[in-house]
Amino acid sequence: PHCLKIFSRLYNLKSHLKTHSDEKPFNCSYCDRKFARNHDRKRHELLHQGEKKFQCGGILGDKVTKWGCGKKFARADGLGRH
């Protein structure tokens, strides 16, 4: 086994196993990085495009709020770490 991740759905396990493969058929259009899964390539390319659609504070569901610092991130996990 490559890692200790556990998945409740076979599809998710199969998708994750691709990340451990040396086969990386999806090339970034902007740099030399290659990816095993197309959705990882697409997510990576957002960093090159400067799109930052995840913001600290400002909107919570349908409500506009007054919390948060306003910093923007290209990916949801970046906002989560912030």
PDB file of N, CA and C in Angstrom:
ATOM      1  N   PRO A   1       0.829  -1.213   0.000  1.00  0.00           N
ATOM      2  CA  PRO A   1       0.000   0.000   0.000  1.00  0.00           C
ATOM      3  C   PRO A   1       0.863   1.262   0.000  1.00  0.00           C
ATOM      4  N   HIS A   2       0.364   2.281  -0.661  1.00  0.00           N
ATOM      5  CA  HIS A   2       1.097   3.533  -0.776  1.00  0.00           C
ATOM      6  C   HIS A   2       0.842   4.462   0.399  1.00  0.00           C
ATOM      7  N   CYS A   3      -0.361   4.462   0.910  1.00  0.00           N
ATOM      8  CA  CYS A   3      -0.715   5.326   2.031  1.00  0.00           C
ATOM      9  C   CYS A   3      -1.826   4.653   2.827  1.00  0.00           C
ATOM     10  N   LEU A   4      -2.242   5.295   3.876  1.00  0.00           N
ATOM     11  CA  LEU A   4      -3.235   4.686   4.763  1.00  0.00           C
ATOM     12  C   LEU A   4      -4.620   5.300   4.618  1.00  0.00           C
ATOM     13  N   LYS A   5      -4.871   5.999   3.527  1.00  0.00           N
ATOM     14  CA  LYS A   5      -6.184   6.615   3.334  1.00  0.00           C
ATOM     15  C   LYS A   5      -7.250   5.542   3.161  1.00  0.00           C
ATOM     16  N   ILE A   6      -8.428   5.836   3.686  1.00  0.00           N
ATOM     17  CA  ILE A   6      -9.566   4.920   3.611  1.00  0.00           C
ATOM     18  C   ILE A   6     -10.690   5.610   2.849  1.00  0.00           C
ATOM     19  N   PHE A   7     -11.337   4.873   1.971  1.00  0.00           N
ATOM     20  CA  PHE A   7     -12.419   5.425   1.158  1.00  0.00           C
ATOM     21  C   PHE A   7     -13.661   4.558   1.294  1.00  0.00           C
ATOM     22  N   SER A   8     -14.809   5.194   1.343  1.00  0.00           N
ATOM     23  CA  SER A   8     -16.062   4.449   1.456  1.00  0.00           C
ATOM     24  C   SER A   8     -16.605   4.041   0.088  1.00  0.00           C
ATOM     25  N   ARG A   9     -16.091   4.645  -0.963  1.00  0.00           N
ATOM     26  CA  ARG A   9     -16.555   4.322  -2.319  1.00  0.00           C
ATOM     27  C   ARG A   9     -15.382   3.833  -3.161  1.00  0.00           C
ATOM     28  N   LEU A  10     -15.610   2.772  -3.907  1.00  0.00           N
ATOM     29  CA  LEU A  10     -14.577   2.190  -4.755  1.00  0.00           C
ATOM     30  C   LEU A  10     -14.078   3.195  -5.783  1.00  0.00           C
ATOM     31  N   TYR A  11     -14.981   3.991  -6.349  1.00  0.00           N
ATOM     32  CA  TYR A  11     -14.588   4.993  -7.341  1.00  0.00           C
ATOM     33  C   TYR A  11     -13.543   5.945  -6.762  1.00  0.00           C
ATOM     34  N   ASN A  12     -13.763   6.406  -5.530  1.00  0.00           N
ATOM     35  CA  ASN A  12     -12.826   7.344  -4.907  1.00  0.00           C
ATOM     36  C   ASN A  12     -11.472   6.692  -4.648  1.00  0.00           C
ATOM     37  N   LEU A  13     -11.480   5.423  -4.261  1.00  0.00           N
ATOM     38  CA  LEU A  13     -10.228   4.696  -4.066  1.00  0.00           C
ATOM     39  C   LEU A  13      -9.465   4.587  -5.381  1.00  0.00           C
ATOM     40  N   LYS A  14     -10.159   4.193  -6.445  1.00  0.00           N
ATOM     41  CA  LYS A  14      -9.502   4.054  -7.750  1.00  0.00           C
ATOM     42  C   LYS A  14      -8.940   5.386  -8.228  1.00  0.00           C
ATOM     43  N   SER A  15      -9.688   6.453  -8.023  1.00  0.00           N
ATOM     44  CA  SER A  15      -9.219   7.778  -8.415  1.00  0.00           C
ATOM     45  C   SER A  15      -7.976   8.157  -7.619  1.00  0.00           C
ATOM     46  N   HIS A  16      -7.995   7.907  -6.319  1.00  0.00           N
ATOM     47  CA  HIS A  16      -6.853   8.246  -5.473  1.00  0.00           C
ATOM     48  C   HIS A  16      -5.616   7.427  -5.841  1.00  0.00           C
ATOM     49  N   LEU A  17      -5.800   6.162  -6.160  1.00  0.00           N
ATOM     50  CA  LEU A  17      -4.655   5.314  -6.508  1.00  0.00           C
ATOM     51  C   LEU A  17      -3.884   5.860  -7.701  1.00  0.00           C
ATOM     52  N   LYS A  18      -4.556   6.569  -8.585  1.00  0.00           N
ATOM     53  CA  LYS A  18      -3.879   7.176  -9.736  1.00  0.00           C
ATOM     54  C   LYS A  18      -2.814   8.174  -9.293  1.00  0.00           C
ATOM     55  N   THR A  19      -3.013   8.813  -8.142  1.00  0.00           N
ATOM     56  CA  THR A  19      -2.037   9.805  -7.677  1.00  0.00           C
ATOM     57  C   THR A  19      -0.715   9.153  -7.292  1.00  0.00           C
ATOM     58  N   HIS A  20      -0.720   7.850  -7.036  1.00  0.00           N
ATOM     59  CA  HIS A  20       0.496   7.127  -6.681  1.00  0.00           C
ATOM     60  C   HIS A  20       1.190   6.535  -7.908  1.00  0.00           C
ATOM     61  N   SER A  21       0.580   6.665  -9.057  1.00  0.00           N
ATOM     62  CA  SER A  21       1.122   6.100 -10.292  1.00  0.00           C
ATOM     63  C   SER A  21       2.187   7.021 -10.888  1.00  0.00           C
ATOM     64  N   ASP A  22       3.123   6.427 -11.603  1.00  0.00           N
ATOM     65  CA  ASP A  22       4.108   7.226 -12.340  1.00  0.00           C
ATOM     66  C   ASP A  22       3.522   7.754 -13.641  1.00  0.00           C
ATOM     67  N   GLU A  23       2.388   7.208 -14.054  1.00  0.00           N
ATOM     68  CA  GLU A  23       1.738   7.650 -15.287  1.00  0.00           C
ATOM     69  C   GLU A  23       1.014   8.970 -15.028  1.00  0.00           C
ATOM     70  N   LYS A  24       1.424  10.015 -15.733  1.00  0.00           N
ATOM     71  CA  LYS A  24       0.840  11.344 -15.564  1.00  0.00           C
ATOM     72  C   LYS A  24       0.546  11.929 -16.949  1.00  0.00           C
ATOM     73  N   PRO A  25      -0.591  11.561 -17.531  1.00  0.00           N
ATOM     74  CA  PRO A  25      -0.891  11.959 -18.912  1.00  0.00           C
ATOM     75  C   PRO A  25      -1.437  13.379 -19.078  1.00  0.00           C
ATOM     76  N   PHE A  26      -1.710  14.081 -17.979  1.00  0.00           N
ATOM     77  CA  PHE A  26      -2.321  15.410 -18.082  1.00  0.00           C
ATOM     78  C   PHE A  26      -1.283  16.491 -17.798  1.00  0.00           C
ATOM     79  N   ASN A  27      -0.958  17.265 -18.834  1.00  0.00           N
ATOM     80  CA  ASN A  27       0.079  18.290 -18.746  1.00  0.00           C
ATOM     81  C   ASN A  27      -0.519  19.662 -18.487  1.00  0.00           C
ATOM     82  N   CYS A  28       0.124  20.424 -17.616  1.00  0.00           N
ATOM     83  CA  CYS A  28      -0.278  21.805 -17.390  1.00  0.00           C
ATOM     84  C   CYS A  28      -0.002  22.605 -18.657  1.00  0.00           C
ATOM     85  N   SER A  29      -0.925  23.475 -19.018  1.00  0.00           N
ATOM     86  CA  SER A  29      -0.770  24.313 -20.212  1.00  0.00           C
ATOM     87  C   SER A  29       0.202  25.462 -19.989  1.00  0.00           C
ATOM     88  N   TYR A  30       0.605  25.695 -18.737  1.00  0.00           N
ATOM     89  CA  TYR A  30       1.415  26.863 -18.407  1.00  0.00           C
ATOM     90  C   TYR A  30       2.822  26.530 -17.927  1.00  0.00           C
ATOM     91  N   CYS A  31       3.022  25.329 -17.404  1.00  0.00           N
ATOM     92  CA  CYS A  31       4.344  24.963 -16.893  1.00  0.00           C
ATOM     93  C   CYS A  31       4.606  23.482 -17.199  1.00  0.00           C
ATOM     94  N   ASP A  32       5.664  22.941 -16.655  1.00  0.00           N
ATOM     95  CA  ASP A  32       6.072  21.565 -16.957  1.00  0.00           C
ATOM     96  C   ASP A  32       5.446  20.508 -16.047  1.00  0.00           C
ATOM     97  N   ARG A  33       4.564  20.896 -15.148  1.00  0.00           N
ATOM     98  CA  ARG A  33       3.958  19.915 -14.239  1.00  0.00           C
ATOM     99  C   ARG A  33       3.020  18.979 -14.983  1.00  0.00           C
ATOM    100  N   LYS A  34       2.972  17.743 -14.512  1.00  0.00           N
ATOM    101  CA  LYS A  34       2.106  16.717 -15.088  1.00  0.00           C
ATOM    102  C   LYS A  34       1.283  16.100 -13.968  1.00  0.00           C
ATOM    103  N   PHE A  35       0.104  15.596 -14.337  1.00  0.00           N
ATOM    104  CA  PHE A  35      -0.829  15.099 -13.337  1.00  0.00           C
ATOM    105  C   PHE A  35      -1.419  13.760 -13.754  1.00  0.00           C
ATOM    106  N   ALA A  36      -1.717  12.942 -12.775  1.00  0.00           N
ATOM    107  CA  ALA A  36      -2.342  11.646 -13.022  1.00  0.00           C
ATOM    108  C   ALA A  36      -3.835  11.798 -13.281  1.00  0.00           C
ATOM    109  N   ARG A  37      -4.435  12.864 -12.731  1.00  0.00           N
ATOM    110  CA  ARG A  37      -5.877  13.080 -12.877  1.00  0.00           C
ATOM    111  C   ARG A  37      -6.131  14.452 -13.501  1.00  0.00           C
ATOM    112  N   ASN A  38      -7.063  14.486 -14.429  1.00  0.00           N
ATOM    113  CA  ASN A  38      -7.362  15.721 -15.144  1.00  0.00           C
ATOM    114  C   ASN A  38      -7.892  16.807 -14.217  1.00  0.00           C
ATOM    115  N   HIS A  39      -8.697  16.436 -13.225  1.00  0.00           N
ATOM    116  CA  HIS A  39      -9.233  17.474 -12.342  1.00  0.00           C
ATOM    117  C   HIS A  39      -8.138  18.106 -11.485  1.00  0.00           C
ATOM    118  N   ASP A  40      -7.056  17.376 -11.208  1.00  0.00           N
ATOM    119  CA  ASP A  40      -5.924  17.977 -10.498  1.00  0.00           C
ATOM    120  C   ASP A  40      -5.204  18.983 -11.397  1.00  0.00           C
ATOM    121  N   ARG A  41      -5.087  18.656 -12.685  1.00  0.00           N
ATOM    122  CA  ARG A  41      -4.478  19.597 -13.638  1.00  0.00           C
ATOM    123  C   ARG A  41      -5.298  20.875 -13.724  1.00  0.00           C
ATOM    124  N   LYS A  42      -6.611  20.725 -13.848  1.00  0.00           N
ATOM    125  CA  LYS A  42      -7.483  21.902 -13.956  1.00  0.00           C
ATOM    126  C   LYS A  42      -7.382  22.781 -12.716  1.00  0.00           C
ATOM    127  N   ARG A  43      -7.368  22.153 -11.551  1.00  0.00           N
ATOM    128  CA  ARG A  43      -7.252  22.908 -10.298  1.00  0.00           C
ATOM    129  C   ARG A  43      -5.912  23.638 -10.239  1.00  0.00           C
ATOM    130  N   HIS A  44      -4.845  22.968 -10.657  1.00  0.00           N
ATOM    131  CA  HIS A  44      -3.519  23.577 -10.682  1.00  0.00           C
ATOM    132  C   HIS A  44      -3.477  24.773 -11.628  1.00  0.00           C
ATOM    133  N   GLU A  45      -4.082  24.643 -12.797  1.00  0.00           N
ATOM    134  CA  GLU A  45      -4.045  25.727 -13.786  1.00  0.00           C
ATOM    135  C   GLU A  45      -4.741  26.991 -13.291  1.00  0.00           C
ATOM    136  N   LEU A  46      -5.673  26.870 -12.364  1.00  0.00           N
ATOM    137  CA  LEU A  46      -6.303  28.060 -11.786  1.00  0.00           C
ATOM    138  C   LEU A  46      -5.269  28.946 -11.100  1.00  0.00           C
ATOM    139  N   LEU A  47      -4.220  28.341 -10.556  1.00  0.00           N
ATOM    140  CA  LEU A  47      -3.163  29.123  -9.917  1.00  0.00           C
ATOM    141  C   LEU A  47      -2.460  30.012 -10.937  1.00  0.00           C
ATOM    142  N   HIS A  48      -2.244  29.497 -12.137  1.00  0.00           N
ATOM    143  CA  HIS A  48      -1.605  30.282 -13.196  1.00  0.00           C
ATOM    144  C   HIS A  48      -2.524  31.385 -13.706  1.00  0.00           C
ATOM    145  N   GLN A  49      -3.801  31.123 -13.713  1.00  0.00           N
ATOM    146  CA  GLN A  49      -4.768  32.070 -14.264  1.00  0.00           C
ATOM    147  C   GLN A  49      -5.097  33.191 -13.293  1.00  0.00           C
ATOM    148  N   GLY A  50      -4.647  33.070 -12.055  1.00  0.00           N
ATOM    149  CA  GLY A  50      -4.868  34.123 -11.072  1.00  0.00           C
ATOM    150  C   GLY A  50      -6.274  34.179 -10.512  1.00  0.00           C
ATOM    151  N   GLU A  51      -7.102  33.197 -10.841  1.00  0.00           N
ATOM    152  CA  GLU A  51      -8.475  33.186 -10.343  1.00  0.00           C
ATOM    153  C   GLU A  51      -8.467  32.829  -8.861  1.00  0.00           C
ATOM    154  N   LYS A  52      -9.065  33.703  -8.055  1.00  0.00           N
ATOM    155  CA  LYS A  52      -9.135  33.473  -6.610  1.00  0.00           C
ATOM    156  C   LYS A  52     -10.575  33.664  -6.172  1.00  0.00           C
ATOM    157  N   LYS A  53     -11.335  32.571  -6.161  1.00  0.00           N
ATOM    158  CA  LYS A  53     -12.759  32.679  -5.882  1.00  0.00           C
ATOM    159  C   LYS A  53     -13.129  32.299  -4.452  1.00  0.00           C
ATOM    160  N   PHE A  54     -12.148  31.991  -3.613  1.00  0.00           N
ATOM    161  CA  PHE A  54     -12.414  31.652  -2.215  1.00  0.00           C
ATOM    162  C   PHE A  54     -11.880  32.771  -1.334  1.00  0.00           C
ATOM    163  N   GLN A  55     -12.767  33.398  -0.566  1.00  0.00           N
ATOM    164  CA  GLN A  55     -12.404  34.579   0.212  1.00  0.00           C
ATOM    165  C   GLN A  55     -12.676  34.366   1.694  1.00  0.00           C
ATOM    166  N   CYS A  56     -11.768  34.858   2.518  1.00  0.00           N
ATOM    167  CA  CYS A  56     -11.940  34.800   3.968  1.00  0.00           C
ATOM    168  C   CYS A  56     -13.000  35.811   4.377  1.00  0.00           C
ATOM    169  N   GLY A  57     -14.124  35.304   4.835  1.00  0.00           N
ATOM    170  CA  GLY A  57     -15.204  36.170   5.299  1.00  0.00           C
ATOM    171  C   GLY A  57     -15.996  36.780   4.166  1.00  0.00           C
ATOM    172  N   GLY A  58     -16.957  37.593   4.528  1.00  0.00           N
ATOM    173  CA  GLY A  58     -17.745  38.302   3.533  1.00  0.00           C
ATOM    174  C   GLY A  58     -19.079  37.672   3.242  1.00  0.00           C
ATOM    175  N   ILE A  59     -19.122  36.369   2.972  1.00  0.00           N
ATOM    176  CA  ILE A  59     -20.388  35.706   2.653  1.00  0.00           C
ATOM    177  C   ILE A  59     -20.453  34.381   3.412  1.00  0.00           C
ATOM    178  N   LEU A  60     -21.566  34.155   4.055  1.00  0.00           N
ATOM    179  CA  LEU A  60     -21.803  32.894   4.738  1.00  0.00           C
ATOM    180  C   LEU A  60     -23.173  32.415   4.305  1.00  0.00           C
ATOM    181  N   GLY A  61     -23.205  31.448   3.419  1.00  0.00           N
ATOM    182  CA  GLY A  61     -24.478  31.020   2.835  1.00  0.00           C
ATOM    183  C   GLY A  61     -25.040  32.149   1.993  1.00  0.00           C
ATOM    184  N   ASP A  62     -26.255  32.575   2.284  1.00  0.00           N
ATOM    185  CA  ASP A  62     -26.872  33.679   1.548  1.00  0.00           C
ATOM    186  C   ASP A  62     -26.702  35.012   2.265  1.00  0.00           C
ATOM    187  N   LYS A  63     -26.035  35.013   3.428  1.00  0.00           N
ATOM    188  CA  LYS A  63     -25.906  36.236   4.222  1.00  0.00           C
ATOM    189  C   LYS A  63     -24.563  36.915   3.983  1.00  0.00           C
ATOM    190  N   VAL A  64     -24.583  38.224   3.863  1.00  0.00           N
ATOM    191  CA  VAL A  64     -23.344  39.002   3.837  1.00  0.00           C
ATOM    192  C   VAL A  64     -22.983  39.280   5.284  1.00  0.00           C
ATOM    193  N   THR A  65     -21.752  38.973   5.674  1.00  0.00           N
ATOM    194  CA  THR A  65     -21.339  39.129   7.065  1.00  0.00           C
ATOM    195  C   THR A  65     -20.219  40.151   7.180  1.00  0.00           C
ATOM    196  N   LYS A  66     -19.821  40.469   8.386  1.00  0.00           N
ATOM    197  CA  LYS A  66     -18.774  41.461   8.644  1.00  0.00           C
ATOM    198  C   LYS A  66     -17.510  40.815   9.213  1.00  0.00           C
ATOM    199  N   TRP A  67     -17.357  39.514   9.098  1.00  0.00           N
ATOM    200  CA  TRP A  67     -16.194  38.842   9.663  1.00  0.00           C
ATOM    201  C   TRP A  67     -15.173  38.520   8.577  1.00  0.00           C
ATOM    202  N   GLY A  68     -13.975  38.172   8.971  1.00  0.00           N
ATOM    203  CA  GLY A  68     -12.939  37.749   8.037  1.00  0.00           C
ATOM    204  C   GLY A  68     -12.045  38.890   7.601  1.00  0.00           C
ATOM    205  N   CYS A  69     -10.905  38.527   7.034  1.00  0.00           N
ATOM    206  CA  CYS A  69      -9.907  39.525   6.639  1.00  0.00           C
ATOM    207  C   CYS A  69     -10.012  39.919   5.170  1.00  0.00           C
ATOM    208  N   GLY A  70     -10.762  39.156   4.366  1.00  0.00           N
ATOM    209  CA  GLY A  70     -10.927  39.493   2.957  1.00  0.00           C
ATOM    210  C   GLY A  70      -9.894  38.884   2.024  1.00  0.00           C
ATOM    211  N   LYS A  71      -8.880  38.193   2.566  1.00  0.00           N
ATOM    212  CA  LYS A  71      -7.858  37.581   1.715  1.00  0.00           C
ATOM    213  C   LYS A  71      -8.501  36.541   0.808  1.00  0.00           C
ATOM    214  N   LYS A  72      -8.040  36.475  -0.456  1.00  0.00           N
ATOM    215  CA  LYS A  72      -8.608  35.550  -1.437  1.00  0.00           C
ATOM    216  C   LYS A  72      -7.626  34.432  -1.759  1.00  0.00           C
ATOM    217  N   PHE A  73      -8.201  33.275  -2.125  1.00  0.00           N
ATOM    218  CA  PHE A  73      -7.410  32.092  -2.428  1.00  0.00           C
ATOM    219  C   PHE A  73      -7.933  31.429  -3.691  1.00  0.00           C
ATOM    220  N   ALA A  74      -7.033  30.771  -4.420  1.00  0.00           N
ATOM    221  CA  ALA A  74      -7.413  30.070  -5.644  1.00  0.00           C
ATOM    222  C   ALA A  74      -8.132  28.765  -5.326  1.00  0.00           C
ATOM    223  N   ARG A  75      -7.814  28.168  -4.167  1.00  0.00           N
ATOM    224  CA  ARG A  75      -8.381  26.867  -3.826  1.00  0.00           C
ATOM    225  C   ARG A  75      -9.016  26.894  -2.449  1.00  0.00           C
ATOM    226  N   ALA A  76     -10.049  26.080  -2.277  1.00  0.00           N
ATOM    227  CA  ALA A  76     -10.757  26.014  -0.999  1.00  0.00           C
ATOM    228  C   ALA A  76      -9.846  25.512   0.116  1.00  0.00           C
ATOM    229  N   ASP A  77      -8.936  24.591  -0.193  1.00  0.00           N
ATOM    230  CA  ASP A  77      -8.057  24.087   0.862  1.00  0.00           C
ATOM    231  C   ASP A  77      -7.088  25.157   1.343  1.00  0.00           C
ATOM    232  N   GLY A  78      -6.722  26.094   0.467  1.00  0.00           N
ATOM    233  CA  GLY A  78      -5.888  27.222   0.886  1.00  0.00           C
ATOM    234  C   GLY A  78      -6.616  28.106   1.881  1.00  0.00           C
ATOM    235  N   LEU A  79      -7.871  28.373   1.597  1.00  0.00           N
ATOM    236  CA  LEU A  79      -8.700  29.141   2.527  1.00  0.00           C
ATOM    237  C   LEU A  79      -8.854  28.383   3.839  1.00  0.00           C
ATOM    238  N   GLY A  80      -9.054  27.080   3.759  1.00  0.00           N
ATOM    239  CA  GLY A  80      -9.204  26.274   4.969  1.00  0.00           C
ATOM    240  C   GLY A  80      -7.967  26.309   5.853  1.00  0.00           C
ATOM    241  N   ARG A  81      -6.774  26.272   5.255  1.00  0.00           N
ATOM    242  CA  ARG A  81      -5.531  26.346   6.029  1.00  0.00           C
ATOM    243  C   ARG A  81      -5.353  27.728   6.647  1.00  0.00           C
ATOM    244  N   HIS A  82      -5.832  28.762   5.950  1.00  0.00           N
ATOM    245  CA  HIS A  82      -5.725  30.143   6.425  1.00  0.00           C
ATOM    246  C   HIS A  82      -6.524  30.295   7.706  1.00  0.00           C
TER     247      HIS A  82
END
